[in-house]
Amino acid sequence: MPIKVKIPTPLQKLTKNQAEVESEGKTVQELIDDLEKNYPGIKERICDEKGKVRRFINIYVNEEDVRFLKGDDTPVKDGDEISIIPAIAGGAS
């Protein structure tokens, strides 16, 4: 059973307008690498030049923020649901 990855609207043009795709890997980093293989250009939007998830991108594994787990090394398994959520800035002026 593949891992479901929810794609935010700004990145859906890279996934052929799909809001949810399937991917494989044993860690969040492997999952991102697999996404890049299937949807070229997505990794540079999610990761910095060192390959680490950008500060303004939040990744959740089954609704748990990976920053409070093991970051990019957070294990994932078949049936998990991953959400990629860009941070939103702004507010009242």
PDB file of N, CA and C in Angstrom:
ATOM      1  N   MET A   1       0.845  -1.174   0.000  1.00  0.00           N
ATOM      2  CA  MET A   1       0.000   0.000   0.000  1.00  0.00           C
ATOM      3  C   MET A   1       0.897   1.246   0.000  1.00  0.00           C
ATOM      4  N   PRO A   2       0.804   2.054  -1.033  1.00  0.00           N
ATOM      5  CA  PRO A   2       1.657   3.249  -1.121  1.00  0.00           C
ATOM      6  C   PRO A   2       1.286   4.303  -0.076  1.00  0.00           C
ATOM      7  N   ILE A   3       2.162   5.279   0.067  1.00  0.00           N
ATOM      8  CA  ILE A   3       1.959   6.373   1.003  1.00  0.00           C
ATOM      9  C   ILE A   3       1.286   7.518   0.262  1.00  0.00           C
ATOM     10  N   LYS A   4       0.207   8.044   0.831  1.00  0.00           N
ATOM     11  CA  LYS A   4      -0.514   9.154   0.216  1.00  0.00           C
ATOM     12  C   LYS A   4       0.122  10.476   0.649  1.00  0.00           C
ATOM     13  N   VAL A   5       0.342  11.348  -0.324  1.00  0.00           N
ATOM     14  CA  VAL A   5       0.941  12.654  -0.055  1.00  0.00           C
ATOM     15  C   VAL A   5      -0.023  13.729  -0.541  1.00  0.00           C
ATOM     16  N   LYS A   6      -0.446  14.596   0.371  1.00  0.00           N
ATOM     17  CA  LYS A   6      -1.320  15.713   0.011  1.00  0.00           C
ATOM     18  C   LYS A   6      -0.445  16.865  -0.463  1.00  0.00           C
ATOM     19  N   ILE A   7      -0.750  17.360  -1.660  1.00  0.00           N
ATOM     20  CA  ILE A   7       0.033  18.405  -2.302  1.00  0.00           C
ATOM     21  C   ILE A   7      -0.697  19.743  -2.191  1.00  0.00           C
ATOM     22  N   PRO A   8       0.004  20.793  -1.709  1.00  0.00           N
ATOM     23  CA  PRO A   8      -0.659  22.096  -1.618  1.00  0.00           C
ATOM     24  C   PRO A   8      -0.902  22.695  -3.001  1.00  0.00           C
ATOM     25  N   THR A   9      -1.908  23.528  -3.102  1.00  0.00           N
ATOM     26  CA  THR A   9      -2.295  24.129  -4.380  1.00  0.00           C
ATOM     27  C   THR A   9      -1.116  24.733  -5.149  1.00  0.00           C
ATOM     28  N   PRO A  10      -0.213  25.502  -4.517  1.00  0.00           N
ATOM     29  CA  PRO A  10       0.881  26.105  -5.294  1.00  0.00           C
ATOM     30  C   PRO A  10       1.807  25.084  -5.972  1.00  0.00           C
ATOM     31  N   LEU A  11       1.839  23.858  -5.491  1.00  0.00           N
ATOM     32  CA  LEU A  11       2.723  22.837  -6.076  1.00  0.00           C
ATOM     33  C   LEU A  11       1.993  21.881  -7.015  1.00  0.00           C
ATOM     34  N   GLN A  12       0.682  22.000  -7.101  1.00  0.00           N
ATOM     35  CA  GLN A  12      -0.087  21.051  -7.909  1.00  0.00           C
ATOM     36  C   GLN A  12       0.202  21.141  -9.397  1.00  0.00           C
ATOM     37  N   LYS A  13       0.721  22.270  -9.862  1.00  0.00           N
ATOM     38  CA  LYS A  13       1.070  22.344 -11.284  1.00  0.00           C
ATOM     39  C   LYS A  13       2.198  21.363 -11.606  1.00  0.00           C
ATOM     40  N   LEU A  14       2.996  20.998 -10.597  1.00  0.00           N
ATOM     41  CA  LEU A  14       4.079  20.028 -10.791  1.00  0.00           C
ATOM     42  C   LEU A  14       3.576  18.585 -10.746  1.00  0.00           C
ATOM     43  N   THR A  15       2.392  18.384 -10.155  1.00  0.00           N
ATOM     44  CA  THR A  15       1.826  17.036 -10.034  1.00  0.00           C
ATOM     45  C   THR A  15       0.640  16.851 -10.978  1.00  0.00           C
ATOM     46  N   LYS A  16       0.670  17.590 -12.090  1.00  0.00           N
ATOM     47  CA  LYS A  16      -0.404  17.505 -13.088  1.00  0.00           C
ATOM     48  C   LYS A  16      -1.765  17.819 -12.464  1.00  0.00           C
ATOM     49  N   ASN A  17      -1.777  18.838 -11.599  1.00  0.00           N
ATOM     50  CA  ASN A  17      -2.982  19.330 -10.926  1.00  0.00           C
ATOM     51  C   ASN A  17      -3.634  18.327  -9.973  1.00  0.00           C
ATOM     52  N   GLN A  18      -2.852  17.375  -9.499  1.00  0.00           N
ATOM     53  CA  GLN A  18      -3.375  16.412  -8.536  1.00  0.00           C
ATOM     54  C   GLN A  18      -3.163  16.947  -7.114  1.00  0.00           C
ATOM     55  N   ALA A  19      -4.200  16.894  -6.299  1.00  0.00           N
ATOM     56  CA  ALA A  19      -4.119  17.346  -4.911  1.00  0.00           C
ATOM     57  C   ALA A  19      -3.552  16.256  -4.003  1.00  0.00           C
ATOM     58  N   GLU A  20      -3.566  15.018  -4.486  1.00  0.00           N
ATOM     59  CA  GLU A  20      -3.029  13.900  -3.712  1.00  0.00           C
ATOM     60  C   GLU A  20      -2.329  12.943  -4.667  1.00  0.00           C
ATOM     61  N   VAL A  21      -1.117  12.551  -4.300  1.00  0.00           N
ATOM     62  CA  VAL A  21      -0.354  11.604  -5.108  1.00  0.00           C
ATOM     63  C   VAL A  21       0.133  10.480  -4.203  1.00  0.00           C
ATOM     64  N   GLU A  22       0.640   9.430  -4.814  1.00  0.00           N
ATOM     65  CA  GLU A  22       1.208   8.325  -4.044  1.00  0.00           C
ATOM     66  C   GLU A  22       2.704   8.323  -4.236  1.00  0.00           C
ATOM     67  N   SER A  23       3.418   7.937  -3.179  1.00  0.00           N
ATOM     68  CA  SER A  23       4.869   7.921  -3.227  1.00  0.00           C
ATOM     69  C   SER A  23       5.374   6.766  -2.370  1.00  0.00           C
ATOM     70  N   GLU A  24       6.681   6.539  -2.449  1.00  0.00           N
ATOM     71  CA  GLU A  24       7.288   5.453  -1.678  1.00  0.00           C
ATOM     72  C   GLU A  24       8.557   5.936  -1.001  1.00  0.00           C
ATOM     73  N   GLY A  25       8.918   5.284   0.083  1.00  0.00           N
ATOM     74  CA  GLY A  25      10.135   5.597   0.813  1.00  0.00           C
ATOM     75  C   GLY A  25       9.997   5.120   2.240  1.00  0.00           C
ATOM     76  N   LYS A  26      11.138   5.083   2.939  1.00  0.00           N
ATOM     77  CA  LYS A  26      11.124   4.652   4.334  1.00  0.00           C
ATOM     78  C   LYS A  26      11.241   5.825   5.288  1.00  0.00           C
ATOM     79  N   THR A  27      11.630   7.007   4.749  1.00  0.00           N
ATOM     80  CA  THR A  27      11.726   8.223   5.556  1.00  0.00           C
ATOM     81  C   THR A  27      11.112   9.373   4.760  1.00  0.00           C
ATOM     82  N   VAL A  28      10.896  10.483   5.432  1.00  0.00           N
ATOM     83  CA  VAL A  28      10.369  11.664   4.744  1.00  0.00           C
ATOM     84  C   VAL A  28      11.314  12.060   3.610  1.00  0.00           C
ATOM     85  N   GLN A  29      12.634  12.009   3.851  1.00  0.00           N
ATOM     86  CA  GLN A  29      13.602  12.387   2.816  1.00  0.00           C
ATOM     87  C   GLN A  29      13.499  11.463   1.603  1.00  0.00           C
ATOM     88  N   GLU A  30      13.376  10.169   1.816  1.00  0.00           N
ATOM     89  CA  GLU A  30      13.233   9.224   0.697  1.00  0.00           C
ATOM     90  C   GLU A  30      11.928   9.489  -0.059  1.00  0.00           C
ATOM     91  N   LEU A  31      10.896   9.855   0.671  1.00  0.00           N
ATOM     92  CA  LEU A  31       9.607  10.176   0.060  1.00  0.00           C
ATOM     93  C   LEU A  31       9.746  11.398  -0.855  1.00  0.00           C
ATOM     94  N   ILE A  32      10.443  12.418  -0.368  1.00  0.00           N
ATOM     95  CA  ILE A  32      10.673  13.625  -1.176  1.00  0.00           C
ATOM     96  C   ILE A  32      11.489  13.274  -2.418  1.00  0.00           C
ATOM     97  N   ASP A  33      12.500  12.431  -2.262  1.00  0.00           N
ATOM     98  CA  ASP A  33      13.312  12.014  -3.414  1.00  0.00           C
ATOM     99  C   ASP A  33      12.466  11.260  -4.436  1.00  0.00           C
ATOM    100  N   ASP A  34      11.540  10.432  -3.959  1.00  0.00           N
ATOM    101  CA  ASP A  34      10.661   9.695  -4.863  1.00  0.00           C
ATOM    102  C   ASP A  34       9.685  10.650  -5.558  1.00  0.00           C
ATOM    103  N   LEU A  35       9.201  11.645  -4.833  1.00  0.00           N
ATOM    104  CA  LEU A  35       8.334  12.650  -5.455  1.00  0.00           C
ATOM    105  C   LEU A  35       9.081  13.360  -6.574  1.00  0.00           C
ATOM    106  N   GLU A  36      10.350  13.694  -6.334  1.00  0.00           N
ATOM    107  CA  GLU A  36      11.155  14.383  -7.342  1.00  0.00           C
ATOM    108  C   GLU A  36      11.336  13.523  -8.588  1.00  0.00           C
ATOM    109  N   LYS A  37      11.507  12.220  -8.382  1.00  0.00           N
ATOM    110  CA  LYS A  37      11.668  11.296  -9.517  1.00  0.00           C
ATOM    111  C   LYS A  37      10.417  11.289 -10.392  1.00  0.00           C
ATOM    112  N   ASN A  38       9.249  11.340  -9.748  1.00  0.00           N
ATOM    113  CA  ASN A  38       7.976  11.278 -10.469  1.00  0.00           C
ATOM    114  C   ASN A  38       7.444  12.643 -10.901  1.00  0.00           C
ATOM    115  N   TYR A  39       7.855  13.686 -10.184  1.00  0.00           N
ATOM    116  CA  TYR A  39       7.371  15.041 -10.462  1.00  0.00           C
ATOM    117  C   TYR A  39       8.554  16.002 -10.404  1.00  0.00           C
ATOM    118  N   PRO A  40       9.384  16.009 -11.447  1.00  0.00           N
ATOM    119  CA  PRO A  40      10.602  16.838 -11.453  1.00  0.00           C
ATOM    120  C   PRO A  40      10.316  18.304 -11.121  1.00  0.00           C
ATOM    121  N   GLY A  41      11.167  18.851 -10.243  1.00  0.00           N
ATOM    122  CA  GLY A  41      11.045  20.248  -9.847  1.00  0.00           C
ATOM    123  C   GLY A  41      10.397  20.439  -8.492  1.00  0.00           C
ATOM    124  N   ILE A  42       9.748  19.396  -7.980  1.00  0.00           N
ATOM    125  CA  ILE A  42       9.033  19.554  -6.706  1.00  0.00           C
ATOM    126  C   ILE A  42       9.996  19.646  -5.521  1.00  0.00           C
ATOM    127  N   LYS A  43      11.115  18.932  -5.603  1.00  0.00           N
ATOM    128  CA  LYS A  43      12.054  18.922  -4.469  1.00  0.00           C
ATOM    129  C   LYS A  43      12.644  20.302  -4.225  1.00  0.00           C
ATOM    130  N   GLU A  44      12.979  21.028  -5.294  1.00  0.00           N
ATOM    131  CA  GLU A  44      13.573  22.355  -5.098  1.00  0.00           C
ATOM    132  C   GLU A  44      12.584  23.336  -4.482  1.00  0.00           C
ATOM    133  N   ARG A  45      11.299  23.049  -4.587  1.00  0.00           N
ATOM    134  CA  ARG A  45      10.286  23.893  -3.956  1.00  0.00           C
ATOM    135  C   ARG A  45      10.129  23.548  -2.475  1.00  0.00           C
ATOM    136  N   ILE A  46      10.417  22.280  -2.126  1.00  0.00           N
ATOM    137  CA  ILE A  46      10.242  21.811  -0.754  1.00  0.00           C
ATOM    138  C   ILE A  46      11.535  21.928   0.048  1.00  0.00           C
ATOM    139  N   CYS A  47      12.668  21.681  -0.611  1.00  0.00           N
ATOM    140  CA  CYS A  47      13.962  21.615   0.073  1.00  0.00           C
ATOM    141  C   CYS A  47      14.895  22.752  -0.339  1.00  0.00           C
ATOM    142  N   ASP A  48      15.830  23.078   0.555  1.00  0.00           N
ATOM    143  CA  ASP A  48      16.842  24.091   0.245  1.00  0.00           C
ATOM    144  C   ASP A  48      17.984  23.460  -0.552  1.00  0.00           C
ATOM    145  N   GLU A  49      19.024  24.251  -0.811  1.00  0.00           N
ATOM    146  CA  GLU A  49      20.146  23.770  -1.623  1.00  0.00           C
ATOM    147  C   GLU A  49      20.936  22.639  -0.963  1.00  0.00           C
ATOM    148  N   LYS A  50      20.760  22.464   0.354  1.00  0.00           N
ATOM    149  CA  LYS A  50      21.426  21.366   1.070  1.00  0.00           C
ATOM    150  C   LYS A  50      20.560  20.118   1.135  1.00  0.00           C
ATOM    151  N   GLY A  51      19.343  20.217   0.572  1.00  0.00           N
ATOM    152  CA  GLY A  51      18.451  19.066   0.561  1.00  0.00           C
ATOM    153  C   GLY A  51      17.566  18.945   1.784  1.00  0.00           C
ATOM    154  N   LYS A  52      17.613  19.939   2.661  1.00  0.00           N
ATOM    155  CA  LYS A  52      16.786  19.925   3.875  1.00  0.00           C
ATOM    156  C   LYS A  52      15.472  20.654   3.619  1.00  0.00           C
ATOM    157  N   VAL A  53      14.420  20.220   4.286  1.00  0.00           N
ATOM    158  CA  VAL A  53      13.112  20.855   4.124  1.00  0.00           C
ATOM    159  C   VAL A  53      13.233  22.331   4.508  1.00  0.00           C
ATOM    160  N   ARG A  54      12.701  23.184   3.645  1.00  0.00           N
ATOM    161  CA  ARG A  54      12.765  24.630   3.875  1.00  0.00           C
ATOM    162  C   ARG A  54      12.021  25.011   5.157  1.00  0.00           C
ATOM    163  N   ARG A  55      12.478  26.105   5.781  1.00  0.00           N
ATOM    164  CA  ARG A  55      11.877  26.574   7.036  1.00  0.00           C
ATOM    165  C   ARG A  55      10.388  26.838   6.909  1.00  0.00           C
ATOM    166  N   PHE A  56       9.961  27.359   5.768  1.00  0.00           N
ATOM    167  CA  PHE A  56       8.562  27.752   5.609  1.00  0.00           C
ATOM    168  C   PHE A  56       7.672  26.642   5.062  1.00  0.00           C
ATOM    169  N   ILE A  57       8.204  25.432   4.972  1.00  0.00           N
ATOM    170  CA  ILE A  57       7.406  24.272   4.550  1.00  0.00           C
ATOM    171  C   ILE A  57       7.206  23.374   5.764  1.00  0.00           C
ATOM    172  N   ASN A  58       5.969  23.068   6.054  1.00  0.00           N
ATOM    173  CA  ASN A  58       5.652  22.154   7.151  1.00  0.00           C
ATOM    174  C   ASN A  58       5.231  20.816   6.558  1.00  0.00           C
ATOM    175  N   ILE A  59       5.791  19.752   7.099  1.00  0.00           N
ATOM    176  CA  ILE A  59       5.432  18.406   6.649  1.00  0.00           C
ATOM    177  C   ILE A  59       4.881  17.642   7.846  1.00  0.00           C
ATOM    178  N   TYR A  60       3.731  17.031   7.621  1.00  0.00           N
ATOM    179  CA  TYR A  60       3.068  16.263   8.670  1.00  0.00           C
ATOM    180  C   TYR A  60       2.957  14.807   8.251  1.00  0.00           C
ATOM    181  N   VAL A  61       3.231  13.923   9.187  1.00  0.00           N
ATOM    182  CA  VAL A  61       3.028  12.491   8.991  1.00  0.00           C
ATOM    183  C   VAL A  61       1.875  12.114   9.910  1.00  0.00           C
ATOM    184  N   ASN A  62       0.765  11.729   9.307  1.00  0.00           N
ATOM    185  CA  ASN A  62      -0.426  11.396  10.096  1.00  0.00           C
ATOM    186  C   ASN A  62      -0.760  12.501  11.103  1.00  0.00           C
ATOM    187  N   GLU A  63      -0.752  13.747  10.630  1.00  0.00           N
ATOM    188  CA  GLU A  63      -1.103  14.929  11.407  1.00  0.00           C
ATOM    189  C   GLU A  63      -0.094  15.309  12.484  1.00  0.00           C
ATOM    190  N   GLU A  64       1.112  14.701  12.462  1.00  0.00           N
ATOM    191  CA  GLU A  64       2.160  15.082  13.410  1.00  0.00           C
ATOM    192  C   GLU A  64       3.270  15.786  12.653  1.00  0.00           C
ATOM    193  N   ASP A  65       3.640  16.984  13.131  1.00  0.00           N
ATOM    194  CA  ASP A  65       4.683  17.785  12.505  1.00  0.00           C
ATOM    195  C   ASP A  65       6.024  17.067  12.632  1.00  0.00           C
ATOM    196  N   VAL A  66       6.707  16.856  11.508  1.00  0.00           N
ATOM    197  CA  VAL A  66       7.978  16.121  11.544  1.00  0.00           C
ATOM    198  C   VAL A  66       9.049  16.871  12.325  1.00  0.00           C
ATOM    199  N   ARG A  67       8.884  18.175  12.509  1.00  0.00           N
ATOM    200  CA  ARG A  67       9.861  18.943  13.300  1.00  0.00           C
ATOM    201  C   ARG A  67       9.896  18.450  14.745  1.00  0.00           C
ATOM    202  N   PHE A  68       8.793  17.886  15.207  1.00  0.00           N
ATOM    203  CA  PHE A  68       8.719  17.379  16.574  1.00  0.00           C
ATOM    204  C   PHE A  68       8.944  15.874  16.622  1.00  0.00           C
ATOM    205  N   LEU A  69       9.246  15.296  15.475  1.00  0.00           N
ATOM    206  CA  LEU A  69       9.568  13.871  15.393  1.00  0.00           C
ATOM    207  C   LEU A  69      11.066  13.779  15.082  1.00  0.00           C
ATOM    208  N   LYS A  70      11.420  13.281  13.913  1.00  0.00           N
ATOM    209  CA  LYS A  70      12.837  13.154  13.546  1.00  0.00           C
ATOM    210  C   LYS A  70      13.175  13.954  12.292  1.00  0.00           C
ATOM    211  N   GLY A  71      12.386  14.995  12.019  1.00  0.00           N
ATOM    212  CA  GLY A  71      12.655  15.832  10.852  1.00  0.00           C
ATOM    213  C   GLY A  71      12.613  15.033   9.568  1.00  0.00           C
ATOM    214  N   ASP A  72      13.584  15.280   8.681  1.00  0.00           N
ATOM    215  CA  ASP A  72      13.654  14.589   7.389  1.00  0.00           C
ATOM    216  C   ASP A  72      13.827  13.082   7.548  1.00  0.00           C
ATOM    217  N   ASP A  73      14.346  12.675   8.718  1.00  0.00           N
ATOM    218  CA  ASP A  73      14.592  11.245   8.966  1.00  0.00           C
ATOM    219  C   ASP A  73      13.399  10.542   9.606  1.00  0.00           C
ATOM    220  N   THR A  74      12.280  11.236   9.730  1.00  0.00           N
ATOM    221  CA  THR A  74      11.073  10.629  10.303  1.00  0.00           C
ATOM    222  C   THR A  74      10.672   9.429   9.454  1.00  0.00           C
ATOM    223  N   PRO A  75      10.527   8.271  10.074  1.00  0.00           N
ATOM    224  CA  PRO A  75      10.128   7.087   9.306  1.00  0.00           C
ATOM    225  C   PRO A  75       8.687   7.191   8.814  1.00  0.00           C
ATOM    226  N   VAL A  76       8.445   6.641   7.632  1.00  0.00           N
ATOM    227  CA  VAL A  76       7.101   6.548   7.071  1.00  0.00           C
ATOM    228  C   VAL A  76       6.876   5.110   6.633  1.00  0.00           C
ATOM    229  N   LYS A  77       5.614   4.730   6.584  1.00  0.00           N
ATOM    230  CA  LYS A  77       5.304   3.354   6.189  1.00  0.00           C
ATOM    231  C   LYS A  77       4.049   3.336   5.335  1.00  0.00           C
ATOM    232  N   ASP A  78       3.831   2.229   4.673  1.00  0.00           N
ATOM    233  CA  ASP A  78       2.643   2.071   3.840  1.00  0.00           C
ATOM    234  C   ASP A  78       1.402   2.430   4.638  1.00  0.00           C
ATOM    235  N   GLY A  79       0.522   3.189   4.009  1.00  0.00           N
ATOM    236  CA  GLY A  79      -0.713   3.578   4.655  1.00  0.00           C
ATOM    237  C   GLY A  79      -0.645   4.911   5.375  1.00  0.00           C
ATOM    238  N   ASP A  80       0.563   5.449   5.592  1.00  0.00           N
ATOM    239  CA  ASP A  80       0.683   6.760   6.227  1.00  0.00           C
ATOM    240  C   ASP A  80       0.134   7.831   5.298  1.00  0.00           C
ATOM    241  N   GLU A  81      -0.272   8.940   5.888  1.00  0.00           N
ATOM    242  CA  GLU A  81      -0.732  10.083   5.106  1.00  0.00           C
ATOM    243  C   GLU A  81       0.187  11.261   5.404  1.00  0.00           C
ATOM    244  N   ILE A  82       0.780  11.798   4.358  1.00  0.00           N
ATOM    245  CA  ILE A  82       1.724  12.902   4.472  1.00  0.00           C
ATOM    246  C   ILE A  82       1.060  14.168   3.928  1.00  0.00           C
ATOM    247  N   SER A  83       1.212  15.266   4.652  1.00  0.00           N
ATOM    248  CA  SER A  83       0.704  16.554   4.188  1.00  0.00           C
ATOM    249  C   SER A  83       1.866  17.525   4.083  1.00  0.00           C
ATOM    250  N   ILE A  84       1.965  18.191   2.945  1.00  0.00           N
ATOM    251  CA  ILE A  84       2.963  19.229   2.742  1.00  0.00           C
ATOM    252  C   ILE A  84       2.196  20.550   2.785  1.00  0.00           C
ATOM    253  N   ILE A  85       2.576  21.415   3.737  1.00  0.00           N
ATOM    254  CA  ILE A  85       1.831  22.650   3.927  1.00  0.00           C
ATOM    255  C   ILE A  85       2.797  23.831   3.981  1.00  0.00           C
ATOM    256  N   PRO A  86       2.691  24.728   2.989  1.00  0.00           N
ATOM    257  CA  PRO A  86       3.536  25.930   3.052  1.00  0.00           C
ATOM    258  C   PRO A  86       3.013  26.869   4.142  1.00  0.00           C
ATOM    259  N   ALA A  87       3.942  27.483   4.878  1.00  0.00           N
ATOM    260  CA  ALA A  87       3.549  28.426   5.914  1.00  0.00           C
ATOM    261  C   ALA A  87       2.934  29.657   5.257  1.00  0.00           C
ATOM    262  N   ILE A  88       1.995  30.241   5.935  1.00  0.00           N
ATOM    263  CA  ILE A  88       1.320  31.434   5.414  1.00  0.00           C
ATOM    264  C   ILE A  88       1.695  32.600   6.305  1.00  0.00           C
ATOM    265  N   ALA A  89       2.216  33.659   5.693  1.00  0.00           N
ATOM    266  CA  ALA A  89       2.600  34.849   6.461  1.00  0.00           C
ATOM    267  C   ALA A  89       1.602  35.960   6.177  1.00  0.00           C
ATOM    268  N   GLY A  90       1.592  36.903   7.050  1.00  0.00           N
ATOM    269  CA  GLY A  90       0.730  38.057   6.824  1.00  0.00           C
ATOM    270  C   GLY A  90      -0.110  38.363   8.047  1.00  0.00           C
ATOM    271  N   GLY A  91      -1.092  39.205   7.867  1.00  0.00           N
ATOM    272  CA  GLY A  91      -1.949  39.564   8.977  1.00  0.00           C
ATOM    273  C   GLY A  91      -2.449  40.974   8.800  1.00  0.00           C
ATOM    274  N   ALA A  92      -3.076  41.471   9.816  1.00  0.00           N
ATOM    275  CA  ALA A  92      -3.627  42.819   9.766  1.00  0.00           C
ATOM    276  C   ALA A  92      -2.503  43.846   9.813  1.00  0.00           C
ATOM    277  N   SER A  93      -2.685  44.937   9.096  1.00  0.00           N
ATOM    278  CA  SER A  93      -1.649  45.977   9.111  1.00  0.00           C
ATOM    279  C   SER A  93      -2.127  47.207   9.842  1.00  0.00           C
TER     280      SER A  93
END
